[in-house]
Amino acid sequence: AVDPPASHRKGADACGIVACGLDAEGTVFVLADVSAEGLKPHEWAG
């Protein structure tokens, strides 16, 4: 899941990028957080 920032200028919000998985029992597992600040659109998309 991605929460894109409105801007990539200095001091702007970070781009939230988090991965989760679901098992057969319905439990969710948080797998990764690669969020970062200052990313241009093509950078956070990549």
ModelCIF file with pLDDT and N, C-alpha, C, O atoms, coordinates in Angstrom:
data_MODEL
#
_entry.id   MODEL 
#
_entity.id                         1 
_entity.type                       polymer 
_entity.pdbx_number_of_molecules   1 
#
_entity_poly.entity_id                      1 
_entity_poly.type                           'polypeptide(L)' 
_entity_poly.nstd_linkage                   no 
_entity_poly.nstd_monomer                   no 
_entity_poly.pdbx_seq_one_letter_code       AVDPPASHRKGADACGIVACGLDAEGTVFVLADVSAEGLKPHEWAG 
_entity_poly.pdbx_seq_one_letter_code_can   AVDPPASHRKGADACGIVACGLDAEGTVFVLADVSAEGLKPHEWAG 
_entity_poly.pdbx_strand_id                 A 
#
loop_
_entity_poly_seq.entity_id 
_entity_poly_seq.num 
_entity_poly_seq.mon_id 
_entity_poly_seq.hetero 
1 1  ALA n 
1 2  VAL n 
1 3  ASP n 
1 4  PRO n 
1 5  PRO n 
1 6  ALA n 
1 7  SER n 
1 8  HIS n 
1 9  ARG n 
1 10 LYS n 
1 11 GLY n 
1 12 ALA n 
1 13 ASP n 
1 14 ALA n 
1 15 CYS n 
1 16 GLY n 
1 17 ILE n 
1 18 VAL n 
1 19 ALA n 
1 20 CYS n 
1 21 GLY n 
1 22 LEU n 
1 23 ASP n 
1 24 ALA n 
1 25 GLU n 
1 26 GLY n 
1 27 THR n 
1 28 VAL n 
1 29 PHE n 
1 30 VAL n 
1 31 LEU n 
1 32 ALA n 
1 33 ASP n 
1 34 VAL n 
1 35 SER n 
1 36 ALA n 
1 37 GLU n 
1 38 GLY n 
1 39 LEU n 
1 40 LYS n 
1 41 PRO n 
1 42 HIS n 
1 43 GLU n 
1 44 TRP n 
1 45 ALA n 
1 46 GLY n 
#
_struct_asym.id          A 
_struct_asym.entity_id   1 
#
loop_
_ma_qa_metric.id 
_ma_qa_metric.mode 
_ma_qa_metric.name 
_ma_qa_metric.software_group_id 
_ma_qa_metric.type 
1 global pLDDT . pLDDT 
2 local  pLDDT . pLDDT 
#
_ma_qa_metric_global.metric_id      1 
_ma_qa_metric_global.metric_value   87.17 
_ma_qa_metric_global.model_id       1 
_ma_qa_metric_global.ordinal_id     1 
#
loop_
_ma_qa_metric_local.label_asym_id 
_ma_qa_metric_local.label_comp_id 
_ma_qa_metric_local.label_seq_id 
_ma_qa_metric_local.metric_id 
_ma_qa_metric_local.metric_value 
_ma_qa_metric_local.model_id 
_ma_qa_metric_local.ordinal_id 
A ALA 1  2 96.00 1 1  
A VAL 2  2 94.00 1 2  
A ASP 3  2 91.00 1 3  
A PRO 4  2 88.00 1 4  
A PRO 5  2 83.00 1 5  
A ALA 6  2 70.00 1 6  
A SER 7  2 62.00 1 7  
A HIS 8  2 54.00 1 8  
A ARG 9  2 55.00 1 9  
A LYS 10 2 54.00 1 10 
A GLY 11 2 50.00 1 11 
A ALA 12 2 56.00 1 12 
A ASP 13 2 73.00 1 13 
A ALA 14 2 84.00 1 14 
A CYS 15 2 91.00 1 15 
A GLY 16 2 94.00 1 16 
A ILE 17 2 96.00 1 17 
A VAL 18 2 97.00 1 18 
A ALA 19 2 98.00 1 19 
A CYS 20 2 98.00 1 20 
A GLY 21 2 97.00 1 21 
A LEU 22 2 97.00 1 22 
A ASP 23 2 96.00 1 23 
A ALA 24 2 95.00 1 24 
A GLU 25 2 94.00 1 25 
A GLY 26 2 95.00 1 26 
A THR 27 2 97.00 1 27 
A VAL 28 2 98.00 1 28 
A PHE 29 2 98.00 1 29 
A VAL 30 2 98.00 1 30 
A LEU 31 2 98.00 1 31 
A ALA 32 2 97.00 1 32 
A ASP 33 2 96.00 1 33 
A VAL 34 2 96.00 1 34 
A SER 35 2 95.00 1 35 
A ALA 36 2 90.00 1 36 
A GLU 37 2 87.00 1 37 
A GLY 38 2 85.00 1 38 
A LEU 39 2 86.00 1 39 
A LYS 40 2 88.00 1 40 
A PRO 41 2 88.00 1 41 
A HIS 42 2 90.00 1 42 
A GLU 43 2 91.00 1 43 
A TRP 44 2 90.00 1 44 
A ALA 45 2 91.00 1 45 
A GLY 46 2 93.00 1 46 
#
loop_
_atom_site.group_PDB 
_atom_site.id 
_atom_site.type_symbol 
_atom_site.label_atom_id 
_atom_site.label_alt_id 
_atom_site.label_comp_id 
_atom_site.label_asym_id 
_atom_site.label_entity_id 
_atom_site.label_seq_id 
_atom_site.pdbx_PDB_ins_code 
_atom_site.Cartn_x 
_atom_site.Cartn_y 
_atom_site.Cartn_z 
_atom_site.occupancy 
_atom_site.B_iso_or_equiv 
_atom_site.pdbx_formal_charge 
_atom_site.auth_seq_id 
_atom_site.auth_comp_id 
_atom_site.auth_asym_id 
_atom_site.auth_atom_id 
_atom_site.pdbx_PDB_model_num 
ATOM 1   N N  . ALA A 1 1  ? 0.835  -1.195  0.000   1.00 96.00 ? 1  ALA A N  1 
ATOM 2   C CA . ALA A 1 1  ? 0.000  0.000   0.000   1.00 96.00 ? 1  ALA A CA 1 
ATOM 3   C C  . ALA A 1 1  ? 0.871  1.247   0.000   1.00 96.00 ? 1  ALA A C  1 
ATOM 4   O O  . ALA A 1 1  ? 1.927  1.285   0.633   1.00 96.00 ? 1  ALA A O  1 
ATOM 5   N N  . VAL A 1 2  ? 0.413  2.268   -0.720  1.00 94.00 ? 2  VAL A N  1 
ATOM 6   C CA . VAL A 1 2  ? 1.166  3.503   -0.888  1.00 94.00 ? 2  VAL A CA 1 
ATOM 7   C C  . VAL A 1 2  ? 0.287  4.694   -0.517  1.00 94.00 ? 2  VAL A C  1 
ATOM 8   O O  . VAL A 1 2  ? -0.847 4.816   -0.981  1.00 94.00 ? 2  VAL A O  1 
ATOM 9   N N  . ASP A 1 3  ? 0.831  5.563   0.323   1.00 91.00 ? 3  ASP A N  1 
ATOM 10  C CA . ASP A 1 3  ? 0.212  6.846   0.640   1.00 91.00 ? 3  ASP A CA 1 
ATOM 11  C C  . ASP A 1 3  ? 1.103  7.935   0.058   1.00 91.00 ? 3  ASP A C  1 
ATOM 12  O O  . ASP A 1 3  ? 2.036  8.376   0.729   1.00 91.00 ? 3  ASP A O  1 
ATOM 13  N N  . PRO A 1 4  ? 0.843  8.390   -1.186  1.00 88.00 ? 4  PRO A N  1 
ATOM 14  C CA . PRO A 1 4  ? 1.754  9.317   -1.855  1.00 88.00 ? 4  PRO A CA 1 
ATOM 15  C C  . PRO A 1 4  ? 1.748  10.695  -1.185  1.00 88.00 ? 4  PRO A C  1 
ATOM 16  O O  . PRO A 1 4  ? 0.727  11.116  -0.641  1.00 88.00 ? 4  PRO A O  1 
ATOM 17  N N  . PRO A 1 5  ? 2.887  11.397  -1.225  1.00 83.00 ? 5  PRO A N  1 
ATOM 18  C CA . PRO A 1 5  ? 2.935  12.756  -0.695  1.00 83.00 ? 5  PRO A CA 1 
ATOM 19  C C  . PRO A 1 5  ? 2.359  13.732  -1.702  1.00 83.00 ? 5  PRO A C  1 
ATOM 20  O O  . PRO A 1 5  ? 2.325  13.460  -2.902  1.00 83.00 ? 5  PRO A O  1 
ATOM 21  N N  . ALA A 1 6  ? 1.905  14.875  -1.198  1.00 70.00 ? 6  ALA A N  1 
ATOM 22  C CA . ALA A 1 6  ? 1.389  15.904  -2.104  1.00 70.00 ? 6  ALA A CA 1 
ATOM 23  C C  . ALA A 1 6  ? 2.519  16.624  -2.819  1.00 70.00 ? 6  ALA A C  1 
ATOM 24  O O  . ALA A 1 6  ? 2.316  17.207  -3.884  1.00 70.00 ? 6  ALA A O  1 
ATOM 25  N N  . SER A 1 7  ? 3.738  16.581  -2.221  1.00 62.00 ? 7  SER A N  1 
ATOM 26  C CA . SER A 1 7  ? 4.884  17.270  -2.790  1.00 62.00 ? 7  SER A CA 1 
ATOM 27  C C  . SER A 1 7  ? 6.141  16.522  -2.422  1.00 62.00 ? 7  SER A C  1 
ATOM 28  O O  . SER A 1 7  ? 6.148  15.759  -1.456  1.00 62.00 ? 7  SER A O  1 
ATOM 29  N N  . HIS A 1 8  ? 7.214  16.729  -3.180  1.00 54.00 ? 8  HIS A N  1 
ATOM 30  C CA . HIS A 1 8  ? 8.499  16.139  -2.840  1.00 54.00 ? 8  HIS A CA 1 
ATOM 31  C C  . HIS A 1 8  ? 9.496  17.192  -2.372  1.00 54.00 ? 8  HIS A C  1 
ATOM 32  O O  . HIS A 1 8  ? 10.683 16.903  -2.220  1.00 54.00 ? 8  HIS A O  1 
ATOM 33  N N  . ARG A 1 9  ? 9.015  18.413  -2.144  1.00 55.00 ? 9  ARG A N  1 
ATOM 34  C CA . ARG A 1 9  ? 9.910  19.475  -1.677  1.00 55.00 ? 9  ARG A CA 1 
ATOM 35  C C  . ARG A 1 9  ? 10.408 19.191  -0.263  1.00 55.00 ? 9  ARG A C  1 
ATOM 36  O O  . ARG A 1 9  ? 9.818  18.387  0.459   1.00 55.00 ? 9  ARG A O  1 
ATOM 37  N N  . LYS A 1 10 ? 11.488 19.846  0.127   1.00 54.00 ? 10 LYS A N  1 
ATOM 38  C CA . LYS A 1 10 ? 12.064 19.683  1.449   1.00 54.00 ? 10 LYS A CA 1 
ATOM 39  C C  . LYS A 1 10 ? 11.025 20.031  2.504   1.00 54.00 ? 10 LYS A C  1 
ATOM 40  O O  . LYS A 1 10 ? 10.351 21.057  2.410   1.00 54.00 ? 10 LYS A O  1 
ATOM 41  N N  . GLY A 1 11 ? 10.899 19.171  3.509   1.00 50.00 ? 11 GLY A N  1 
ATOM 42  C CA . GLY A 1 11 ? 9.917  19.384  4.565   1.00 50.00 ? 11 GLY A CA 1 
ATOM 43  C C  . GLY A 1 11 ? 8.550  18.819  4.258   1.00 50.00 ? 11 GLY A C  1 
ATOM 44  O O  . GLY A 1 11 ? 7.653  18.877  5.099   1.00 50.00 ? 11 GLY A O  1 
ATOM 45  N N  . ALA A 1 12 ? 8.371  18.263  3.047   1.00 56.00 ? 12 ALA A N  1 
ATOM 46  C CA . ALA A 1 12 ? 7.076  17.690  2.681   1.00 56.00 ? 12 ALA A CA 1 
ATOM 47  C C  . ALA A 1 12 ? 6.854  16.376  3.418   1.00 56.00 ? 12 ALA A C  1 
ATOM 48  O O  . ALA A 1 12 ? 7.773  15.811  4.011   1.00 56.00 ? 12 ALA A O  1 
ATOM 49  N N  . ASP A 1 13 ? 5.599  15.900  3.366   1.00 73.00 ? 13 ASP A N  1 
ATOM 50  C CA . ASP A 1 13 ? 5.284  14.626  3.993   1.00 73.00 ? 13 ASP A CA 1 
ATOM 51  C C  . ASP A 1 13 ? 6.080  13.497  3.344   1.00 73.00 ? 13 ASP A C  1 
ATOM 52  O O  . ASP A 1 13 ? 6.514  13.596  2.196   1.00 73.00 ? 13 ASP A O  1 
ATOM 53  N N  . ALA A 1 14 ? 6.259  12.426  4.108   1.00 84.00 ? 14 ALA A N  1 
ATOM 54  C CA . ALA A 1 14 ? 6.907  11.242  3.563   1.00 84.00 ? 14 ALA A CA 1 
ATOM 55  C C  . ALA A 1 14 ? 5.934  10.495  2.665   1.00 84.00 ? 14 ALA A C  1 
ATOM 56  O O  . ALA A 1 14 ? 4.724  10.713  2.719   1.00 84.00 ? 14 ALA A O  1 
ATOM 57  N N  . CYS A 1 15 ? 6.472  9.622   1.848   1.00 91.00 ? 15 CYS A N  1 
ATOM 58  C CA . CYS A 1 15 ? 5.642  8.693   1.091   1.00 91.00 ? 15 CYS A CA 1 
ATOM 59  C C  . CYS A 1 15 ? 5.569  7.396   1.882   1.00 91.00 ? 15 CYS A C  1 
ATOM 60  O O  . CYS A 1 15 ? 6.582  6.719   2.060   1.00 91.00 ? 15 CYS A O  1 
ATOM 61  N N  . GLY A 1 16 ? 4.383  7.048   2.355   1.00 94.00 ? 16 GLY A N  1 
ATOM 62  C CA . GLY A 1 16 ? 4.207  5.811   3.093   1.00 94.00 ? 16 GLY A CA 1 
ATOM 63  C C  . GLY A 1 16 ? 4.122  4.618   2.155   1.00 94.00 ? 16 GLY A C  1 
ATOM 64  O O  . GLY A 1 16 ? 3.293  4.605   1.245   1.00 94.00 ? 16 GLY A O  1 
ATOM 65  N N  . ILE A 1 17 ? 4.967  3.618   2.367   1.00 96.00 ? 17 ILE A N  1 
ATOM 66  C CA . ILE A 1 17 ? 4.964  2.390   1.559   1.00 96.00 ? 17 ILE A CA 1 
ATOM 67  C C  . ILE A 1 17 ? 5.112  1.208   2.517   1.00 96.00 ? 17 ILE A C  1 
ATOM 68  O O  . ILE A 1 17 ? 6.185  0.988   3.079   1.00 96.00 ? 17 ILE A O  1 
ATOM 69  N N  . VAL A 1 18 ? 4.039  0.460   2.697   1.00 97.00 ? 18 VAL A N  1 
ATOM 70  C CA . VAL A 1 18 ? 4.009  -0.632  3.670   1.00 97.00 ? 18 VAL A CA 1 
ATOM 71  C C  . VAL A 1 18 ? 3.413  -1.872  3.008   1.00 97.00 ? 18 VAL A C  1 
ATOM 72  O O  . VAL A 1 18 ? 2.448  -1.775  2.250   1.00 97.00 ? 18 VAL A O  1 
ATOM 73  N N  . ALA A 1 19 ? 3.989  -3.029  3.298   1.00 98.00 ? 19 ALA A N  1 
ATOM 74  C CA . ALA A 1 19 ? 3.504  -4.300  2.769   1.00 98.00 ? 19 ALA A CA 1 
ATOM 75  C C  . ALA A 1 19 ? 2.982  -5.173  3.889   1.00 98.00 ? 19 ALA A C  1 
ATOM 76  O O  . ALA A 1 19 ? 3.589  -5.251  4.958   1.00 98.00 ? 19 ALA A O  1 
ATOM 77  N N  . CYS A 1 20 ? 1.853  -5.835  3.649   1.00 98.00 ? 20 CYS A N  1 
ATOM 78  C CA . CYS A 1 20 ? 1.257  -6.766  4.602   1.00 98.00 ? 20 CYS A CA 1 
ATOM 79  C C  . CYS A 1 20 ? 0.818  -8.031  3.870   1.00 98.00 ? 20 CYS A C  1 
ATOM 80  O O  . CYS A 1 20 ? 0.567  -8.012  2.665   1.00 98.00 ? 20 CYS A O  1 
ATOM 81  N N  . GLY A 1 21 ? 0.732  -9.118  4.609   1.00 97.00 ? 21 GLY A N  1 
ATOM 82  C CA . GLY A 1 21 ? 0.262  -10.377 4.050   1.00 97.00 ? 21 GLY A CA 1 
ATOM 83  C C  . GLY A 1 21 ? -0.839 -10.976 4.900   1.00 97.00 ? 21 GLY A C  1 
ATOM 84  O O  . GLY A 1 21 ? -0.949 -10.661 6.085   1.00 97.00 ? 21 GLY A O  1 
ATOM 85  N N  . LEU A 1 22 ? -1.659 -11.840 4.310   1.00 97.00 ? 22 LEU A N  1 
ATOM 86  C CA . LEU A 1 22 ? -2.782 -12.485 4.986   1.00 97.00 ? 22 LEU A CA 1 
ATOM 87  C C  . LEU A 1 22 ? -2.612 -13.991 4.927   1.00 97.00 ? 22 LEU A C  1 
ATOM 88  O O  . LEU A 1 22 ? -2.388 -14.546 3.851   1.00 97.00 ? 22 LEU A O  1 
ATOM 89  N N  . ASP A 1 23 ? -2.717 -14.672 6.090   1.00 96.00 ? 23 ASP A N  1 
ATOM 90  C CA . ASP A 1 23 ? -2.598 -16.124 6.076   1.00 96.00 ? 23 ASP A CA 1 
ATOM 91  C C  . ASP A 1 23 ? -3.971 -16.785 5.968   1.00 96.00 ? 23 ASP A C  1 
ATOM 92  O O  . ASP A 1 23 ? -4.989 -16.098 5.886   1.00 96.00 ? 23 ASP A O  1 
ATOM 93  N N  . ALA A 1 24 ? -3.996 -18.105 5.968   1.00 95.00 ? 24 ALA A N  1 
ATOM 94  C CA . ALA A 1 24 ? -5.235 -18.845 5.775   1.00 95.00 ? 24 ALA A CA 1 
ATOM 95  C C  . ALA A 1 24 ? -6.202 -18.687 6.935   1.00 95.00 ? 24 ALA A C  1 
ATOM 96  O O  . ALA A 1 24 ? -7.403 -18.910 6.778   1.00 95.00 ? 24 ALA A O  1 
ATOM 97  N N  . GLU A 1 25 ? -5.687 -18.303 8.108   1.00 94.00 ? 25 GLU A N  1 
ATOM 98  C CA . GLU A 1 25 ? -6.528 -18.133 9.283   1.00 94.00 ? 25 GLU A CA 1 
ATOM 99  C C  . GLU A 1 25 ? -7.111 -16.726 9.384   1.00 94.00 ? 25 GLU A C  1 
ATOM 100 O O  . GLU A 1 25 ? -7.882 -16.441 10.301  1.00 94.00 ? 25 GLU A O  1 
ATOM 101 N N  . GLY A 1 26 ? -6.753 -15.849 8.458   1.00 95.00 ? 26 GLY A N  1 
ATOM 102 C CA . GLY A 1 26 ? -7.259 -14.487 8.498   1.00 95.00 ? 26 GLY A CA 1 
ATOM 103 C C  . GLY A 1 26 ? -6.426 -13.527 9.313   1.00 95.00 ? 26 GLY A C  1 
ATOM 104 O O  . GLY A 1 26 ? -6.881 -12.426 9.622   1.00 95.00 ? 26 GLY A O  1 
ATOM 105 N N  . THR A 1 27 ? -5.210 -13.919 9.671   1.00 97.00 ? 27 THR A N  1 
ATOM 106 C CA . THR A 1 27 ? -4.302 -13.041 10.411  1.00 97.00 ? 27 THR A CA 1 
ATOM 107 C C  . THR A 1 27 ? -3.440 -12.256 9.431   1.00 97.00 ? 27 THR A C  1 
ATOM 108 O O  . THR A 1 27 ? -2.931 -12.809 8.456   1.00 97.00 ? 27 THR A O  1 
ATOM 109 N N  . VAL A 1 28 ? -3.282 -10.974 9.696   1.00 98.00 ? 28 VAL A N  1 
ATOM 110 C CA . VAL A 1 28 ? -2.467 -10.107 8.854   1.00 98.00 ? 28 VAL A CA 1 
ATOM 111 C C  . VAL A 1 28 ? -1.074 -9.987  9.459   1.00 98.00 ? 28 VAL A C  1 
ATOM 112 O O  . VAL A 1 28 ? -0.925 -9.860  10.675  1.00 98.00 ? 28 VAL A O  1 
ATOM 113 N N  . PHE A 1 29 ? -0.053 -10.028 8.603   1.00 98.00 ? 29 PHE A N  1 
ATOM 114 C CA . PHE A 1 29 ? 1.327  -9.890  9.035   1.00 98.00 ? 29 PHE A CA 1 
ATOM 115 C C  . PHE A 1 29 ? 1.952  -8.685  8.326   1.00 98.00 ? 29 PHE A C  1 
ATOM 116 O O  . PHE A 1 29 ? 1.928  -8.595  7.099   1.00 98.00 ? 29 PHE A O  1 
ATOM 117 N N  . VAL A 1 30 ? 2.508  -7.768  9.108   1.00 98.00 ? 30 VAL A N  1 
ATOM 118 C CA . VAL A 1 30 ? 3.231  -6.635  8.538   1.00 98.00 ? 30 VAL A CA 1 
ATOM 119 C C  . VAL A 1 30 ? 4.598  -7.132  8.098   1.00 98.00 ? 30 VAL A C  1 
ATOM 120 O O  . VAL A 1 30 ? 5.343  -7.703  8.895   1.00 98.00 ? 30 VAL A O  1 
ATOM 121 N N  . LEU A 1 31 ? 4.928  -6.916  6.830   1.00 98.00 ? 31 LEU A N  1 
ATOM 122 C CA . LEU A 1 31 ? 6.117  -7.515  6.235   1.00 98.00 ? 31 LEU A CA 1 
ATOM 123 C C  . LEU A 1 31 ? 7.245  -6.527  5.976   1.00 98.00 ? 31 LEU A C  1 
ATOM 124 O O  . LEU A 1 31 ? 8.417  -6.884  6.094   1.00 98.00 ? 31 LEU A O  1 
ATOM 125 N N  . ALA A 1 32 ? 6.908  -5.292  5.626   1.00 97.00 ? 32 ALA A N  1 
ATOM 126 C CA . ALA A 1 32 ? 7.947  -4.345  5.234   1.00 97.00 ? 32 ALA A CA 1 
ATOM 127 C C  . ALA A 1 32 ? 7.430  -2.923  5.351   1.00 97.00 ? 32 ALA A C  1 
ATOM 128 O O  . ALA A 1 32 ? 6.239  -2.661  5.183   1.00 97.00 ? 32 ALA A O  1 
ATOM 129 N N  . ASP A 1 33 ? 8.337  -2.019  5.641   1.00 96.00 ? 33 ASP A N  1 
ATOM 130 C CA . ASP A 1 33 ? 8.074  -0.578  5.639   1.00 96.00 ? 33 ASP A CA 1 
ATOM 131 C C  . ASP A 1 33 ? 9.257  0.079   4.939   1.00 96.00 ? 33 ASP A C  1 
ATOM 132 O O  . ASP A 1 33 ? 10.346 0.169   5.505   1.00 96.00 ? 33 ASP A O  1 
ATOM 133 N N  . VAL A 1 34 ? 9.045  0.536   3.714   1.00 96.00 ? 34 VAL A N  1 
ATOM 134 C CA . VAL A 1 34 ? 10.110 1.195   2.957   1.00 96.00 ? 34 VAL A CA 1 
ATOM 135 C C  . VAL A 1 34 ? 9.746  2.653   2.695   1.00 96.00 ? 34 VAL A C  1 
ATOM 136 O O  . VAL A 1 34 ? 10.173 3.234   1.696   1.00 96.00 ? 34 VAL A O  1 
ATOM 137 N N  . SER A 1 35 ? 8.966  3.237   3.581   1.00 95.00 ? 35 SER A N  1 
ATOM 138 C CA . SER A 1 35 ? 8.574  4.636   3.464   1.00 95.00 ? 35 SER A CA 1 
ATOM 139 C C  . SER A 1 35 ? 9.817  5.528   3.479   1.00 95.00 ? 35 SER A C  1 
ATOM 140 O O  . SER A 1 35 ? 10.844 5.175   4.057   1.00 95.00 ? 35 SER A O  1 
ATOM 141 N N  . ALA A 1 36 ? 9.704  6.680   2.839   1.00 90.00 ? 36 ALA A N  1 
ATOM 142 C CA . ALA A 1 36 ? 10.845 7.597   2.773   1.00 90.00 ? 36 ALA A CA 1 
ATOM 143 C C  . ALA A 1 36 ? 10.362 9.008   2.478   1.00 90.00 ? 36 ALA A C  1 
ATOM 144 O O  . ALA A 1 36 ? 9.277  9.205   1.930   1.00 90.00 ? 36 ALA A O  1 
ATOM 145 N N  . GLU A 1 37 ? 11.180 9.985   2.848   1.00 87.00 ? 37 GLU A N  1 
ATOM 146 C CA . GLU A 1 37 ? 10.890 11.386  2.589   1.00 87.00 ? 37 GLU A CA 1 
ATOM 147 C C  . GLU A 1 37 ? 11.633 11.860  1.352   1.00 87.00 ? 37 GLU A C  1 
ATOM 148 O O  . GLU A 1 37 ? 12.637 11.274  0.947   1.00 87.00 ? 37 GLU A O  1 
ATOM 149 N N  . GLY A 1 38 ? 11.118 12.936  0.757   1.00 85.00 ? 38 GLY A N  1 
ATOM 150 C CA . GLY A 1 38 ? 11.817 13.604  -0.327  1.00 85.00 ? 38 GLY A CA 1 
ATOM 151 C C  . GLY A 1 38 ? 11.849 12.874  -1.656  1.00 85.00 ? 38 GLY A C  1 
ATOM 152 O O  . GLY A 1 38 ? 12.678 13.182  -2.512  1.00 85.00 ? 38 GLY A O  1 
ATOM 153 N N  . LEU A 1 39 ? 10.956 11.909  -1.839  1.00 86.00 ? 39 LEU A N  1 
ATOM 154 C CA . LEU A 1 39 ? 10.957 11.141  -3.079  1.00 86.00 ? 39 LEU A CA 1 
ATOM 155 C C  . LEU A 1 39 ? 10.121 11.845  -4.152  1.00 86.00 ? 39 LEU A C  1 
ATOM 156 O O  . LEU A 1 39 ? 9.013  12.311  -3.886  1.00 86.00 ? 39 LEU A O  1 
ATOM 157 N N  . LYS A 1 40 ? 10.665 11.912  -5.356  1.00 88.00 ? 40 LYS A N  1 
ATOM 158 C CA . LYS A 1 40 ? 9.899  12.382  -6.501  1.00 88.00 ? 40 LYS A CA 1 
ATOM 159 C C  . LYS A 1 40 ? 8.921  11.290  -6.931  1.00 88.00 ? 40 LYS A C  1 
ATOM 160 O O  . LYS A 1 40 ? 9.110  10.124  -6.582  1.00 88.00 ? 40 LYS A O  1 
ATOM 161 N N  . PRO A 1 41 ? 7.880  11.651  -7.682  1.00 88.00 ? 41 PRO A N  1 
ATOM 162 C CA . PRO A 1 41 ? 6.865  10.646  -8.039  1.00 88.00 ? 41 PRO A CA 1 
ATOM 163 C C  . PRO A 1 41 ? 7.437  9.379   -8.655  1.00 88.00 ? 41 PRO A C  1 
ATOM 164 O O  . PRO A 1 41 ? 7.043  8.275   -8.279  1.00 88.00 ? 41 PRO A O  1 
ATOM 165 N N  . HIS A 1 42 ? 8.370  9.527   -9.606  1.00 90.00 ? 42 HIS A N  1 
ATOM 166 C CA . HIS A 1 42 ? 8.905  8.313   -10.236 1.00 90.00 ? 42 HIS A CA 1 
ATOM 167 C C  . HIS A 1 42 ? 9.749  7.499   -9.251  1.00 90.00 ? 42 HIS A C  1 
ATOM 168 O O  . HIS A 1 42 ? 9.898  6.287   -9.414  1.00 90.00 ? 42 HIS A O  1 
ATOM 169 N N  . GLU A 1 43 ? 10.301 8.165   -8.230  1.00 91.00 ? 43 GLU A N  1 
ATOM 170 C CA . GLU A 1 43 ? 11.113 7.447   -7.247  1.00 91.00 ? 43 GLU A CA 1 
ATOM 171 C C  . GLU A 1 43 ? 10.246 6.624   -6.300  1.00 91.00 ? 43 GLU A C  1 
ATOM 172 O O  . GLU A 1 43 ? 10.540 5.453   -6.060  1.00 91.00 ? 43 GLU A O  1 
ATOM 173 N N  . TRP A 1 44 ? 9.168  7.226   -5.751  1.00 90.00 ? 44 TRP A N  1 
ATOM 174 C CA . TRP A 1 44 ? 8.340  6.421   -4.864  1.00 90.00 ? 44 TRP A CA 1 
ATOM 175 C C  . TRP A 1 44 ? 7.578  5.359   -5.643  1.00 90.00 ? 44 TRP A C  1 
ATOM 176 O O  . TRP A 1 44 ? 7.314  4.281   -5.110  1.00 90.00 ? 44 TRP A O  1 
ATOM 177 N N  . ALA A 1 45 ? 7.225  5.634   -6.872  1.00 91.00 ? 45 ALA A N  1 
ATOM 178 C CA . ALA A 1 45 ? 6.562  4.615   -7.690  1.00 91.00 ? 45 ALA A CA 1 
ATOM 179 C C  . ALA A 1 45 ? 7.499  3.432   -7.935  1.00 91.00 ? 45 ALA A C  1 
ATOM 180 O O  . ALA A 1 45 ? 7.082  2.277   -7.857  1.00 91.00 ? 45 ALA A O  1 
ATOM 181 N N  . GLY A 1 46 ? 8.771  3.728   -8.233  1.00 93.00 ? 46 GLY A N  1 
ATOM 182 C CA . GLY A 1 46 ? 9.739  2.657   -8.439  1.00 93.00 ? 46 GLY A CA 1 
ATOM 183 C C  . GLY A 1 46 ? 9.999  1.858   -7.180  1.00 93.00 ? 46 GLY A C  1 
ATOM 184 O O  . GLY A 1 46 ? 10.795 0.919   -7.199  1.00 93.00 ? 46 GLY A O  1 
#
